[in-house]
Amino acid sequence: MSKGQLQMMIYSILVALIGFGGLIYVFVTQPAYLHASRNGVPYFTPAVINPQGGAPLSPDELVRHYKGVD
């Protein structure tokens, strides 16, 4: 095996380990941006505009309305 092939193999293994480590980190620690409410709405979702009155609604309120909870 030549020096170039060895370097590419080490580089490829390193990139694979970093990628795999990143996936493990995201699934184990659950960053705040992945948390969701009881209705499945992510916490950092912006408000939506009510087309009838133009007032902002929280997405959680909108989901509860269409589920028939409220």
PDB file of N, CA and C in Angstrom:
ATOM      1  N   MET A   1       0.847  -1.158   0.000  1.00  0.00           N
ATOM      2  CA  MET A   1       0.000   0.000   0.000  1.00  0.00           C
ATOM      3  C   MET A   1       0.905   1.238   0.000  1.00  0.00           C
ATOM      4  N   SER A   2       0.590   2.146  -0.884  1.00  0.00           N
ATOM      5  CA  SER A   2       1.413   3.350  -0.992  1.00  0.00           C
ATOM      6  C   SER A   2       1.055   4.356   0.100  1.00  0.00           C
ATOM      7  N   LYS A   3       1.887   5.366   0.218  1.00  0.00           N
ATOM      8  CA  LYS A   3       1.685   6.394   1.231  1.00  0.00           C
ATOM      9  C   LYS A   3       0.375   7.160   0.993  1.00  0.00           C
ATOM     10  N   GLY A   4       0.048   7.427  -0.253  1.00  0.00           N
ATOM     11  CA  GLY A   4      -1.185   8.137  -0.603  1.00  0.00           C
ATOM     12  C   GLY A   4      -2.428   7.326  -0.258  1.00  0.00           C
ATOM     13  N   GLN A   5      -2.389   6.030  -0.544  1.00  0.00           N
ATOM     14  CA  GLN A   5      -3.527   5.177  -0.223  1.00  0.00           C
ATOM     15  C   GLN A   5      -3.734   5.082   1.289  1.00  0.00           C
ATOM     16  N   LEU A   6      -2.650   5.005   2.022  1.00  0.00           N
ATOM     17  CA  LEU A   6      -2.735   4.947   3.488  1.00  0.00           C
ATOM     18  C   LEU A   6      -3.332   6.241   4.045  1.00  0.00           C
ATOM     19  N   GLN A   7      -2.912   7.371   3.493  1.00  0.00           N
ATOM     20  CA  GLN A   7      -3.462   8.647   3.943  1.00  0.00           C
ATOM     21  C   GLN A   7      -4.956   8.743   3.648  1.00  0.00           C
ATOM     22  N   MET A   8      -5.371   8.296   2.467  1.00  0.00           N
ATOM     23  CA  MET A   8      -6.792   8.341   2.114  1.00  0.00           C
ATOM     24  C   MET A   8      -7.608   7.395   2.994  1.00  0.00           C
ATOM     25  N   MET A   9      -7.060   6.248   3.320  1.00  0.00           N
ATOM     26  CA  MET A   9      -7.766   5.300   4.183  1.00  0.00           C
ATOM     27  C   MET A   9      -7.941   5.901   5.584  1.00  0.00           C
ATOM     28  N   ILE A  10      -6.876   6.503   6.106  1.00  0.00           N
ATOM     29  CA  ILE A  10      -6.966   7.125   7.428  1.00  0.00           C
ATOM     30  C   ILE A  10      -7.968   8.278   7.397  1.00  0.00           C
ATOM     31  N   TYR A  11      -7.911   9.090   6.359  1.00  0.00           N
ATOM     32  CA  TYR A  11      -8.837  10.207   6.213  1.00  0.00           C
ATOM     33  C   TYR A  11     -10.282   9.704   6.127  1.00  0.00           C
ATOM     34  N   SER A  12     -10.534   8.673   5.357  1.00  0.00           N
ATOM     35  CA  SER A  12     -11.883   8.124   5.196  1.00  0.00           C
ATOM     36  C   SER A  12     -12.413   7.560   6.508  1.00  0.00           C
ATOM     37  N   ILE A  13     -11.572   6.854   7.227  1.00  0.00           N
ATOM     38  CA  ILE A  13     -11.987   6.292   8.516  1.00  0.00           C
ATOM     39  C   ILE A  13     -12.286   7.419   9.505  1.00  0.00           C
ATOM     40  N   LEU A  14     -11.468   8.450   9.507  1.00  0.00           N
ATOM     41  CA  LEU A  14     -11.669   9.584  10.400  1.00  0.00           C
ATOM     42  C   LEU A  14     -12.988  10.297  10.096  1.00  0.00           C
ATOM     43  N   VAL A  15     -13.271  10.521   8.833  1.00  0.00           N
ATOM     44  CA  VAL A  15     -14.527  11.175   8.440  1.00  0.00           C
ATOM     45  C   VAL A  15     -15.724  10.305   8.831  1.00  0.00           C
ATOM     46  N   ALA A  16     -15.642   9.010   8.624  1.00  0.00           N
ATOM     47  CA  ALA A  16     -16.727   8.106   9.000  1.00  0.00           C
ATOM     48  C   ALA A  16     -16.956   8.115  10.510  1.00  0.00           C
ATOM     49  N   LEU A  17     -15.892   8.115  11.289  1.00  0.00           N
ATOM     50  CA  LEU A  17     -16.022   8.140  12.746  1.00  0.00           C
ATOM     51  C   LEU A  17     -16.631   9.457  13.232  1.00  0.00           C
ATOM     52  N   ILE A  18     -16.223  10.571  12.643  1.00  0.00           N
ATOM     53  CA  ILE A  18     -16.789  11.869  13.023  1.00  0.00           C
ATOM     54  C   ILE A  18     -18.280  11.921  12.678  1.00  0.00           C
ATOM     55  N   GLY A  19     -18.650  11.448  11.513  1.00  0.00           N
ATOM     56  CA  GLY A  19     -20.060  11.426  11.119  1.00  0.00           C
ATOM     57  C   GLY A  19     -20.892  10.529  12.014  1.00  0.00           C
ATOM     58  N   PHE A  20     -20.385   9.352  12.299  1.00  0.00           N
ATOM     59  CA  PHE A  20     -21.090   8.417  13.175  1.00  0.00           C
ATOM     60  C   PHE A  20     -21.184   8.992  14.587  1.00  0.00           C
ATOM     61  N   GLY A  21     -20.116   9.611  15.056  1.00  0.00           N
ATOM     62  CA  GLY A  21     -20.118  10.238  16.382  1.00  0.00           C
ATOM     63  C   GLY A  21     -21.134  11.370  16.462  1.00  0.00           C
ATOM     64  N   GLY A  22     -21.254  12.147  15.404  1.00  0.00           N
ATOM     65  CA  GLY A  22     -22.246  13.221  15.375  1.00  0.00           C
ATOM     66  C   GLY A  22     -23.667  12.688  15.457  1.00  0.00           C
ATOM     67  N   LEU A  23     -23.955  11.616  14.738  1.00  0.00           N
ATOM     68  CA  LEU A  23     -25.289  11.013  14.801  1.00  0.00           C
ATOM     69  C   LEU A  23     -25.587  10.467  16.190  1.00  0.00           C
ATOM     70  N   ILE A  24     -24.613   9.809  16.782  1.00  0.00           N
ATOM     71  CA  ILE A  24     -24.791   9.275  18.137  1.00  0.00           C
ATOM     72  C   ILE A  24     -25.060  10.427  19.110  1.00  0.00           C
ATOM     73  N   TYR A  25     -24.303  11.506  18.994  1.00  0.00           N
ATOM     74  CA  TYR A  25     -24.479  12.675  19.874  1.00  0.00           C
ATOM     75  C   TYR A  25     -25.889  13.242  19.763  1.00  0.00           C
ATOM     76  N   VAL A  26     -26.392  13.388  18.550  1.00  0.00           N
ATOM     77  CA  VAL A  26     -27.721  13.971  18.352  1.00  0.00           C
ATOM     78  C   VAL A  26     -28.808  13.070  18.930  1.00  0.00           C
ATOM     79  N   PHE A  27     -28.688  11.770  18.766  1.00  0.00           N
ATOM     80  CA  PHE A  27     -29.724  10.867  19.263  1.00  0.00           C
ATOM     81  C   PHE A  27     -29.640  10.637  20.764  1.00  0.00           C
ATOM     82  N   VAL A  28     -28.459  10.739  21.341  1.00  0.00           N
ATOM     83  CA  VAL A  28     -28.301  10.484  22.780  1.00  0.00           C
ATOM     84  C   VAL A  28     -28.621  11.728  23.602  1.00  0.00           C
ATOM     85  N   THR A  29     -28.108  12.892  23.219  1.00  0.00           N
ATOM     86  CA  THR A  29     -28.271  14.090  24.044  1.00  0.00           C
ATOM     87  C   THR A  29     -29.555  14.859  23.751  1.00  0.00           C
ATOM     88  N   GLN A  30     -30.208  14.630  22.641  1.00  0.00           N
ATOM     89  CA  GLN A  30     -31.431  15.326  22.249  1.00  0.00           C
ATOM     90  C   GLN A  30     -31.303  16.837  22.436  1.00  0.00           C
ATOM     91  N   PRO A  31     -30.694  17.538  21.489  1.00  0.00           N
ATOM     92  CA  PRO A  31     -30.589  19.001  21.588  1.00  0.00           C
ATOM     93  C   PRO A  31     -31.973  19.650  21.700  1.00  0.00           C
ATOM     94  N   ALA A  32     -32.002  20.844  22.247  1.00  0.00           N
ATOM     95  CA  ALA A  32     -33.275  21.532  22.513  1.00  0.00           C
ATOM     96  C   ALA A  32     -34.106  21.722  21.245  1.00  0.00           C
ATOM     97  N   TYR A  33     -33.459  21.905  20.099  1.00  0.00           N
ATOM     98  CA  TYR A  33     -34.229  22.144  18.879  1.00  0.00           C
ATOM     99  C   TYR A  33     -34.945  20.890  18.382  1.00  0.00           C
ATOM    100  N   LEU A  34     -34.659  19.723  18.957  1.00  0.00           N
ATOM    101  CA  LEU A  34     -35.358  18.502  18.569  1.00  0.00           C
ATOM    102  C   LEU A  34     -36.525  18.163  19.497  1.00  0.00           C
ATOM    103  N   HIS A  35     -36.655  18.857  20.611  1.00  0.00           N
ATOM    104  CA  HIS A  35     -37.746  18.574  21.537  1.00  0.00           C
ATOM    105  C   HIS A  35     -39.054  19.050  20.946  1.00  0.00           C
ATOM    106  N   ALA A  36     -40.132  18.354  21.289  1.00  0.00           N
ATOM    107  CA  ALA A  36     -41.442  18.689  20.750  1.00  0.00           C
ATOM    108  C   ALA A  36     -42.481  18.652  21.865  1.00  0.00           C
ATOM    109  N   SER A  37     -43.597  19.318  21.639  1.00  0.00           N
ATOM    110  CA  SER A  37     -44.685  19.342  22.613  1.00  0.00           C
ATOM    111  C   SER A  37     -45.450  18.020  22.571  1.00  0.00           C
ATOM    112  N   ARG A  38     -46.460  17.940  23.390  1.00  0.00           N
ATOM    113  CA  ARG A  38     -47.276  16.725  23.453  1.00  0.00           C
ATOM    114  C   ARG A  38     -47.955  16.426  22.112  1.00  0.00           C
ATOM    115  N   ASN A  39     -48.239  17.479  21.353  1.00  0.00           N
ATOM    116  CA  ASN A  39     -48.902  17.319  20.059  1.00  0.00           C
ATOM    117  C   ASN A  39     -47.930  17.120  18.907  1.00  0.00           C
ATOM    118  N   GLY A  40     -46.641  17.077  19.196  1.00  0.00           N
ATOM    119  CA  GLY A  40     -45.650  16.840  18.159  1.00  0.00           C
ATOM    120  C   GLY A  40     -45.119  18.089  17.490  1.00  0.00           C
ATOM    121  N   VAL A  41     -45.433  19.258  18.028  1.00  0.00           N
ATOM    122  CA  VAL A  41     -44.965  20.514  17.447  1.00  0.00           C
ATOM    123  C   VAL A  41     -43.613  20.858  18.053  1.00  0.00           C
ATOM    124  N   PRO A  42     -42.577  21.078  17.248  1.00  0.00           N
ATOM    125  CA  PRO A  42     -41.270  21.467  17.793  1.00  0.00           C
ATOM    126  C   PRO A  42     -41.368  22.776  18.578  1.00  0.00           C
ATOM    127  N   TYR A  43     -40.573  22.883  19.650  1.00  0.00           N
ATOM    128  CA  TYR A  43     -40.643  24.056  20.523  1.00  0.00           C
ATOM    129  C   TYR A  43     -40.289  25.359  19.819  1.00  0.00           C
ATOM    130  N   PHE A  44     -39.349  25.357  18.912  1.00  0.00           N
ATOM    131  CA  PHE A  44     -38.897  26.593  18.292  1.00  0.00           C
ATOM    132  C   PHE A  44     -39.562  26.869  16.956  1.00  0.00           C
ATOM    133  N   THR A  45     -40.819  26.447  16.804  1.00  0.00           N
ATOM    134  CA  THR A  45     -41.567  26.715  15.582  1.00  0.00           C
ATOM    135  C   THR A  45     -42.172  28.124  15.672  1.00  0.00           C
ATOM    136  N   PRO A  46     -42.003  28.972  14.660  1.00  0.00           N
ATOM    137  CA  PRO A  46     -42.560  30.327  14.732  1.00  0.00           C
ATOM    138  C   PRO A  46     -44.087  30.311  14.647  1.00  0.00           C
ATOM    139  N   ALA A  47     -44.688  31.390  15.081  1.00  0.00           N
ATOM    140  CA  ALA A  47     -46.146  31.524  15.029  1.00  0.00           C
ATOM    141  C   ALA A  47     -46.615  31.579  13.574  1.00  0.00           C
ATOM    142  N   VAL A  48     -47.849  31.155  13.369  1.00  0.00           N
ATOM    143  CA  VAL A  48     -48.455  31.201  12.036  1.00  0.00           C
ATOM    144  C   VAL A  48     -49.497  32.319  12.030  1.00  0.00           C
ATOM    145  N   ILE A  49     -49.771  32.871  10.875  1.00  0.00           N
ATOM    146  CA  ILE A  49     -50.717  33.981  10.761  1.00  0.00           C
ATOM    147  C   ILE A  49     -52.099  33.440  10.430  1.00  0.00           C
ATOM    148  N   ASN A  50     -53.080  33.867  11.215  1.00  0.00           N
ATOM    149  CA  ASN A  50     -54.467  33.502  10.967  1.00  0.00           C
ATOM    150  C   ASN A  50     -54.936  34.261   9.732  1.00  0.00           C
ATOM    151  N   PRO A  51     -55.348  33.570   8.664  1.00  0.00           N
ATOM    152  CA  PRO A  51     -55.731  34.276   7.437  1.00  0.00           C
ATOM    153  C   PRO A  51     -57.003  35.109   7.587  1.00  0.00           C
ATOM    154  N   GLN A  52     -57.868  34.793   8.551  1.00  0.00           N
ATOM    155  CA  GLN A  52     -59.115  35.544   8.706  1.00  0.00           C
ATOM    156  C   GLN A  52     -58.901  36.876   9.415  1.00  0.00           C
ATOM    157  N   GLY A  53     -58.093  36.875  10.474  1.00  0.00           N
ATOM    158  CA  GLY A  53     -57.935  38.107  11.238  1.00  0.00           C
ATOM    159  C   GLY A  53     -56.536  38.678  11.201  1.00  0.00           C
ATOM    160  N   GLY A  54     -55.565  37.892  10.756  1.00  0.00           N
ATOM    161  CA  GLY A  54     -54.190  38.347  10.691  1.00  0.00           C
ATOM    162  C   GLY A  54     -53.441  38.239  12.005  1.00  0.00           C
ATOM    163  N   ALA A  55     -54.087  37.706  13.037  1.00  0.00           N
ATOM    164  CA  ALA A  55     -53.435  37.569  14.338  1.00  0.00           C
ATOM    165  C   ALA A  55     -52.534  36.332  14.334  1.00  0.00           C
ATOM    166  N   PRO A  56     -51.399  36.415  15.026  1.00  0.00           N
ATOM    167  CA  PRO A  56     -50.521  35.242  15.091  1.00  0.00           C
ATOM    168  C   PRO A  56     -51.088  34.168  16.016  1.00  0.00           C
ATOM    169  N   LEU A  57     -50.959  32.918  15.598  1.00  0.00           N
ATOM    170  CA  LEU A  57     -51.385  31.760  16.398  1.00  0.00           C
ATOM    171  C   LEU A  57     -50.178  30.880  16.655  1.00  0.00           C
ATOM    172  N   SER A  58     -50.142  30.279  17.827  1.00  0.00           N
ATOM    173  CA  SER A  58     -49.060  29.323  18.072  1.00  0.00           C
ATOM    174  C   SER A  58     -49.385  28.041  17.314  1.00  0.00           C
ATOM    175  N   PRO A  59     -48.386  27.369  16.760  1.00  0.00           N
ATOM    176  CA  PRO A  59     -48.639  26.128  16.029  1.00  0.00           C
ATOM    177  C   PRO A  59     -49.284  25.058  16.915  1.00  0.00           C
ATOM    178  N   ASP A  60     -48.955  25.075  18.214  1.00  0.00           N
ATOM    179  CA  ASP A  60     -49.547  24.097  19.122  1.00  0.00           C
ATOM    180  C   ASP A  60     -51.059  24.317  19.237  1.00  0.00           C
ATOM    181  N   GLU A  61     -51.478  25.588  19.291  1.00  0.00           N
ATOM    182  CA  GLU A  61     -52.902  25.915  19.338  1.00  0.00           C
ATOM    183  C   GLU A  61     -53.592  25.477  18.048  1.00  0.00           C
ATOM    184  N   LEU A  62     -52.931  25.664  16.933  1.00  0.00           N
ATOM    185  CA  LEU A  62     -53.476  25.264  15.635  1.00  0.00           C
ATOM    186  C   LEU A  62     -53.652  23.744  15.551  1.00  0.00           C
ATOM    187  N   VAL A  63     -52.665  23.000  16.026  1.00  0.00           N
ATOM    188  CA  VAL A  63     -52.754  21.536  16.015  1.00  0.00           C
ATOM    189  C   VAL A  63     -53.880  21.068  16.925  1.00  0.00           C
ATOM    190  N   ARG A  64     -53.994  21.663  18.111  1.00  0.00           N
ATOM    191  CA  ARG A  64     -55.081  21.283  19.028  1.00  0.00           C
ATOM    192  C   ARG A  64     -56.445  21.557  18.396  1.00  0.00           C
ATOM    193  N   HIS A  65     -56.562  22.676  17.661  1.00  0.00           N
ATOM    194  CA  HIS A  65     -57.830  23.009  17.006  1.00  0.00           C
ATOM    195  C   HIS A  65     -58.208  21.948  15.968  1.00  0.00           C
ATOM    196  N   TYR A  66     -57.249  21.554  15.117  1.00  0.00           N
ATOM    197  CA  TYR A  66     -57.551  20.585  14.070  1.00  0.00           C
ATOM    198  C   TYR A  66     -57.684  19.167  14.589  1.00  0.00           C
ATOM    199  N   LYS A  67     -57.133  18.885  15.767  1.00  0.00           N
ATOM    200  CA  LYS A  67     -57.350  17.570  16.388  1.00  0.00           C
ATOM    201  C   LYS A  67     -58.712  17.516  17.090  1.00  0.00           C
ATOM    202  N   GLY A  68     -59.295  18.692  17.358  1.00  0.00           N
ATOM    203  CA  GLY A  68     -60.582  18.743  18.045  1.00  0.00           C
ATOM    204  C   GLY A  68     -60.460  18.672  19.547  1.00  0.00           C
ATOM    205  N   VAL A  69     -59.292  19.010  20.074  1.00  0.00           N
ATOM    206  CA  VAL A  69     -59.076  18.958  21.523  1.00  0.00           C
ATOM    207  C   VAL A  69     -59.715  20.158  22.194  1.00  0.00           C
ATOM    208  N   ASP A  70     -59.632  21.331  21.570  1.00  0.00           N
ATOM    209  CA  ASP A  70     -60.211  22.557  22.159  1.00  0.00           C
ATOM    210  C   ASP A  70     -61.624  22.749  21.704  1.00  0.00           C
TER     211      ASP A  70
END
